[in-house]
Amino acid sequence: MTADQKQTKPLAGKTIFISGASRGIGKAIALRAAADGANIVIAAKTAEPHPKLPGTIYTAAAEIEAAGGQALPLVVDIRDEGRIAEAVEMAVKEFGGIDILVNNASAISLTGTLHTPLKRYDLMHQVNARGTYACSHFCLPHLLKAENPHILNISPPLNMNPRWFKDHVAYTMAKYGMSMCVLGMAAEFAGKGVAVNALWPQTAIATAAMMMIGGKGAMASCRTEEIMSDAAHLILSRPSKEHTGQFFIDEDLLRSNGVTDFERYAVEPGHELIKDFFLD
């Protein structure tokens, strides 16, 4: 690959392990990387069409390959560490290594203490905090061998304002668990060249989860997943030794890199946008 190609397609040939990449933000990040010619490991649960949610690992794989990438669709429940370990080894066997991990899979329940059954509490912590930790644990031995390794968690900056705890403390604890992985692992691996960062949207994103929370009426006040995929592409293209331990906000990052037109990311341009959680 020439120097010019590396600049225009910095993720070409990179192998990216993405949890929850069968739909939403995870799939959007995969498609943006695929346009560079990246190899995408789709680690997600949905093998058969879901009655309420779009896409499967196989439909995502077809889109990734149509976009210019290579795809390895694997059925992975990230609550199962044995299955994560198997998926990582299959990815290494298929593509020769792992360069990037995107911890995107997440479970949500915006319910208070009296209305959050322990089964739901456990699910959020197993998927968000534990799943992120587990995927990182199994990918890190391979990331440490990579040329420009990154871990990117789709999680918010750590904001201790009680506002973000009082209505859904269980969800906030689980989501902040992902962010604490950034804080800790960035420091732990700072001298070993693995970048560990977080990315979070300034506004609500038009995903299936947002549809379930806000309904169709809220979608007009959202941005598309592409704003997150463009921001993720910027982070993952940077030298890992120079950019770690950061909690990036999509709009701020894109603005600092010269983007001025944000209407193109709007589901319906002109609508007032809903600000995302955890941002005062």
Protein backbone atom coordinates (compact mmCIF):
# COMPACT_ATOMS: atom_id res chain seq x y z
CA MET A 1 0.00 0.00 0.00
CA THR A 2 1.31 3.44 -0.92
CA ALA A 3 1.62 6.34 1.53
CA ASP A 4 -1.27 8.11 -0.21
CA GLN A 5 -3.48 5.02 0.17
CA LYS A 6 -2.62 4.81 3.86
CA GLN A 7 -3.75 8.41 4.28
CA THR A 8 -7.01 8.02 2.39
CA LYS A 9 -7.81 4.50 3.65
CA PRO A 10 -6.02 4.20 6.99
CA LEU A 11 -7.99 1.13 8.11
CA ALA A 12 -7.26 -0.93 4.98
CA GLY A 13 -6.28 -4.45 5.95
CA LYS A 14 -6.94 -3.84 9.65
CA THR A 15 -8.92 -6.46 11.56
CA ILE A 16 -11.62 -4.95 13.75
CA PHE A 17 -13.56 -6.98 16.34
CA ILE A 18 -16.89 -5.25 17.00
CA SER A 19 -19.42 -6.41 19.58
CA GLY A 20 -23.05 -5.83 18.65
CA ALA A 21 -22.20 -5.08 15.01
CA SER A 22 -25.33 -6.58 13.47
CA ARG A 23 -27.17 -3.26 13.65
CA GLY A 24 -27.06 0.36 14.82
CA ILE A 25 -23.88 2.19 15.73
CA GLY A 26 -21.77 -0.97 15.68
CA LYS A 27 -22.77 -1.78 12.12
CA ALA A 28 -22.27 1.84 11.03
CA ILE A 29 -18.70 1.78 12.40
CA ALA A 30 -18.15 -1.50 10.58
CA LEU A 31 -19.41 -0.13 7.27
CA ARG A 32 -17.21 2.98 7.51
CA ALA A 33 -14.17 0.81 8.17
CA ALA A 34 -15.19 -1.57 5.40
CA ALA A 35 -15.07 1.31 2.93
CA ASP A 36 -11.32 1.44 3.69
CA GLY A 37 -11.00 -2.30 3.07
CA ALA A 38 -10.95 -3.46 6.70
CA ASN A 39 -11.68 -6.97 7.98
CA ILE A 40 -14.68 -6.92 10.31
CA VAL A 41 -15.45 -9.53 12.95
CA ILE A 42 -19.19 -9.22 13.64
CA ALA A 43 -19.60 -10.51 17.20
CA ALA A 44 -23.33 -10.39 17.95
CA LYS A 45 -26.21 -12.61 19.06
CA THR A 46 -28.67 -12.21 16.20
CA ALA A 47 -28.37 -15.11 13.75
CA GLU A 48 -32.10 -15.32 12.93
CA PRO A 49 -34.33 -12.33 12.09
CA HIS A 50 -35.71 -10.68 15.23
CA PRO A 51 -39.41 -9.70 15.25
CA LYS A 52 -38.68 -6.21 16.60
CA LEU A 53 -35.07 -5.49 15.60
CA PRO A 54 -33.55 -5.12 12.13
CA GLY A 55 -30.70 -7.21 10.75
CA THR A 56 -28.67 -10.28 11.60
CA ILE A 57 -24.94 -10.99 11.63
CA TYR A 58 -25.34 -12.38 8.11
CA THR A 59 -27.17 -9.39 6.63
CA ALA A 60 -24.55 -7.14 8.24
CA ALA A 61 -21.79 -9.28 6.71
CA ALA A 62 -23.35 -8.89 3.25
CA GLU A 63 -23.45 -5.10 3.66
CA ILE A 64 -19.86 -4.99 4.92
CA GLU A 65 -18.61 -6.98 1.95
CA ALA A 66 -20.62 -4.84 -0.46
CA ALA A 67 -18.96 -1.78 1.10
CA GLY A 68 -15.51 -3.16 0.35
CA GLY A 69 -14.52 -5.06 3.48
CA GLN A 70 -14.11 -8.66 4.53
CA ALA A 71 -16.59 -9.99 7.10
CA LEU A 72 -16.53 -12.80 9.63
CA PRO A 73 -20.00 -13.15 11.20
CA LEU A 74 -19.88 -14.97 14.54
CA VAL A 75 -22.71 -15.70 16.96
CA VAL A 76 -21.40 -14.30 20.24
CA ASP A 77 -23.21 -13.58 23.48
CA ILE A 78 -20.63 -11.45 25.29
CA ARG A 79 -21.97 -12.70 28.64
CA ASP A 80 -20.25 -15.99 27.75
CA GLU A 81 -16.48 -15.62 28.15
CA GLY A 82 -15.87 -19.02 26.58
CA ARG A 83 -17.62 -17.93 23.41
CA ILE A 84 -15.68 -14.65 23.33
CA ALA A 85 -12.41 -16.58 23.59
CA GLU A 86 -13.49 -18.88 20.74
CA ALA A 87 -14.53 -15.93 18.57
CA VAL A 88 -11.21 -14.17 19.14
CA GLU A 89 -9.27 -17.28 18.14
CA MET A 90 -11.45 -17.75 15.04
CA ALA A 91 -10.80 -14.12 14.08
CA VAL A 92 -7.05 -14.55 14.50
CA LYS A 93 -7.12 -17.75 12.46
CA GLU A 94 -9.14 -16.06 9.69
CA PHE A 95 -7.31 -12.74 9.48
CA GLY A 96 -3.96 -13.27 11.21
CA GLY A 97 -4.51 -11.01 14.22
CA ILE A 98 -6.66 -8.28 15.76
CA ASP A 99 -5.82 -4.61 15.38
CA ILE A 100 -8.87 -2.91 16.88
CA LEU A 101 -11.61 -3.76 19.37
CA VAL A 102 -14.84 -1.77 19.44
CA ASN A 103 -16.91 -2.46 22.57
CA ASN A 104 -20.30 -1.40 21.28
CA ALA A 105 -22.77 -3.99 22.60
CA SER A 106 -24.98 -2.59 25.34
CA ALA A 107 -28.16 -3.29 27.30
CA ILE A 108 -30.43 -0.53 28.58
CA SER A 109 -33.31 -0.14 31.01
CA LEU A 110 -34.16 3.39 32.08
CA THR A 111 -35.87 2.32 35.28
CA GLY A 112 -35.54 3.27 38.92
CA THR A 113 -34.47 1.06 41.77
CA LEU A 114 -37.95 -0.26 42.61
CA HIS A 115 -38.71 -1.03 38.97
CA THR A 116 -35.45 -2.70 37.94
CA PRO A 117 -35.64 -6.45 38.66
CA LEU A 118 -32.31 -8.02 39.54
CA LYS A 119 -32.49 -10.06 36.35
CA ARG A 120 -32.45 -6.82 34.35
CA TYR A 121 -29.74 -5.34 36.60
CA ASP A 122 -27.61 -8.42 35.99
CA LEU A 123 -28.18 -8.28 32.24
CA MET A 124 -26.99 -4.67 32.00
CA HIS A 125 -23.89 -5.32 34.09
CA GLN A 126 -23.07 -8.57 32.31
CA VAL A 127 -23.34 -7.00 28.85
CA ASN A 128 -22.07 -3.47 29.46
CA ALA A 129 -19.39 -3.58 32.13
CA ARG A 130 -18.43 -7.26 32.23
CA GLY A 131 -18.82 -7.81 28.47
CA THR A 132 -16.56 -4.85 27.72
CA TYR A 133 -13.98 -6.09 30.21
CA ALA A 134 -14.16 -9.65 28.86
CA CYS A 135 -13.79 -8.68 25.20
CA SER A 136 -10.84 -6.46 26.12
CA HIS A 137 -9.28 -9.26 28.20
CA PHE A 138 -9.34 -11.74 25.32
CA CYS A 139 -8.40 -9.30 22.55
CA LEU A 140 -5.51 -7.59 24.37
CA PRO A 141 -2.91 -10.34 23.86
CA HIS A 142 -3.40 -9.87 20.12
CA LEU A 143 -3.71 -6.09 20.25
CA LEU A 144 -0.35 -5.94 21.98
CA LYS A 145 1.19 -7.48 18.85
CA ALA A 146 -0.55 -5.08 16.44
CA GLU A 147 1.06 -2.12 14.70
CA ASN A 148 -1.47 0.56 15.75
CA PRO A 149 -3.84 -1.06 18.26
CA HIS A 150 -6.98 0.58 19.59
CA ILE A 151 -9.81 -0.21 21.96
CA LEU A 152 -12.84 2.04 21.53
CA ASN A 153 -15.75 1.83 23.98
CA ILE A 154 -19.09 3.36 23.05
CA SER A 155 -19.58 4.86 26.48
CA PRO A 156 -20.02 8.28 28.09
CA PRO A 157 -17.67 10.57 29.96
CA LEU A 158 -17.79 9.91 33.71
CA ASN A 159 -20.14 12.56 35.06
CA MET A 160 -20.89 12.38 38.77
CA ASN A 161 -23.89 14.73 38.61
CA PRO A 162 -26.64 12.91 40.62
CA ARG A 163 -29.03 13.80 37.80
CA TRP A 164 -27.59 10.92 35.78
CA PHE A 165 -28.08 8.40 38.59
CA LYS A 166 -31.40 9.21 40.23
CA ASP A 167 -33.80 7.90 37.57
CA HIS A 168 -31.84 4.88 36.31
CA VAL A 169 -29.01 4.11 38.72
CA ALA A 170 -28.62 0.50 37.52
CA TYR A 171 -28.13 1.52 33.88
CA THR A 172 -25.78 4.36 34.79
CA MET A 173 -23.64 2.05 36.92
CA ALA A 174 -23.42 -0.49 34.10
CA LYS A 175 -22.66 2.11 31.43
CA TYR A 176 -20.08 3.85 33.59
CA GLY A 177 -18.45 0.45 34.04
CA MET A 178 -17.53 0.63 30.35
CA SER A 179 -16.10 4.11 30.88
CA MET A 180 -14.09 3.00 33.90
CA CYS A 181 -12.52 0.35 31.67
CA VAL A 182 -11.30 3.22 29.50
CA LEU A 183 -9.90 5.10 32.47
CA GLY A 184 -8.11 2.09 33.91
CA MET A 185 -6.92 0.29 30.79
CA ALA A 186 -5.66 3.48 29.14
CA ALA A 187 -3.35 4.02 32.10
CA GLU A 188 -2.45 0.33 32.37
CA PHE A 189 -1.39 0.01 28.73
CA ALA A 190 -0.13 3.54 28.08
CA GLY A 191 3.47 2.35 27.89
CA LYS A 192 2.61 -0.58 25.64
CA GLY A 193 1.09 1.32 22.73
CA VAL A 194 -2.56 0.27 23.01
CA ALA A 195 -4.91 3.25 22.83
CA VAL A 196 -8.06 2.94 24.93
CA ASN A 197 -10.68 5.64 24.35
CA ALA A 198 -14.42 6.26 24.58
CA LEU A 199 -16.83 7.81 22.11
CA TRP A 200 -20.29 9.18 22.94
CA PRO A 201 -22.84 11.12 20.89
CA GLN A 202 -23.74 14.75 21.55
CA THR A 203 -27.33 14.01 20.53
CA ALA A 204 -29.64 11.03 20.49
CA ILE A 205 -28.92 8.63 17.63
CA ALA A 206 -31.63 7.02 15.52
CA THR A 207 -31.11 3.41 16.55
CA ALA A 208 -33.49 0.57 17.34
CA ALA A 209 -32.90 1.26 21.03
CA MET A 210 -33.95 4.88 20.57
CA MET A 211 -37.08 3.76 18.74
CA MET A 212 -37.99 1.55 21.70
CA ILE A 213 -37.36 4.38 24.19
CA GLY A 214 -38.84 7.35 22.37
CA GLY A 215 -40.99 5.89 19.60
CA LYS A 216 -41.23 7.13 16.03
CA GLY A 217 -41.94 10.67 17.16
CA ALA A 218 -38.50 11.03 18.71
CA MET A 219 -36.62 9.87 15.64
CA ALA A 220 -37.03 13.19 13.84
CA SER A 221 -34.98 14.82 16.60
CA CYS A 222 -32.10 12.38 16.27
CA ARG A 223 -28.99 12.13 14.17
CA THR A 224 -28.06 9.09 12.10
CA GLU A 225 -25.46 6.52 13.13
CA GLU A 226 -23.08 7.92 10.49
CA ILE A 227 -21.97 10.76 12.77
CA MET A 228 -20.68 8.16 15.21
CA SER A 229 -19.04 6.07 12.50
CA ASP A 230 -17.25 9.10 11.05
CA ALA A 231 -16.02 10.08 14.51
CA ALA A 232 -14.92 6.51 15.28
CA HIS A 233 -13.01 6.36 11.99
CA LEU A 234 -11.07 9.47 13.01
CA ILE A 235 -10.13 7.99 16.39
CA LEU A 236 -9.14 4.59 15.04
CA SER A 237 -6.99 6.16 12.32
CA ARG A 238 -4.83 8.08 14.81
CA PRO A 239 -1.46 6.91 16.15
CA SER A 240 -2.34 4.80 19.18
CA LYS A 241 0.67 5.96 21.19
CA GLU A 242 -0.41 9.60 20.95
CA HIS A 243 -4.15 9.45 21.69
CA THR A 244 -5.36 7.43 24.67
CA GLY A 245 -7.53 7.83 27.76
CA GLN A 246 -9.86 10.30 26.03
CA PHE A 247 -13.64 10.60 26.29
CA PHE A 248 -14.57 11.93 22.87
CA ILE A 249 -17.93 13.49 21.96
CA ASP A 250 -18.77 12.92 18.30
CA GLU A 251 -19.69 16.50 17.35
CA ASP A 252 -16.79 18.09 19.22
CA LEU A 253 -14.31 15.70 17.63
CA LEU A 254 -15.63 16.26 14.11
CA ARG A 255 -15.70 20.04 14.56
CA SER A 256 -12.07 19.99 15.72
CA ASN A 257 -11.25 18.14 12.50
CA GLY A 258 -12.88 20.68 10.20
CA VAL A 259 -16.43 19.37 9.84
CA THR A 260 -18.95 22.22 9.68
CA ASP A 261 -22.02 20.64 8.05
CA PHE A 262 -23.92 18.66 10.68
CA GLU A 263 -27.30 18.89 8.98
CA ARG A 264 -26.29 15.97 6.78
CA TYR A 265 -26.37 13.78 9.89
CA ALA A 266 -29.88 14.84 10.89
CA VAL A 267 -32.70 12.36 10.39
CA GLU A 268 -34.90 15.36 9.52
CA PRO A 269 -32.86 18.55 9.00
CA GLY A 270 -34.23 21.56 10.84
CA HIS A 271 -35.64 19.68 13.83
CA GLU A 272 -34.42 20.52 17.31
CA LEU A 273 -32.14 17.72 18.45
CA ILE A 274 -32.42 15.69 21.65
CA LYS A 275 -29.27 15.91 23.75
CA ASP A 276 -27.94 12.52 24.82
CA PHE A 277 -27.69 11.20 28.36
CA PHE A 278 -24.77 11.99 30.66
CA LEU A 279 -24.00 15.36 29.07
CA ASP A 280 -24.93 18.36 31.24
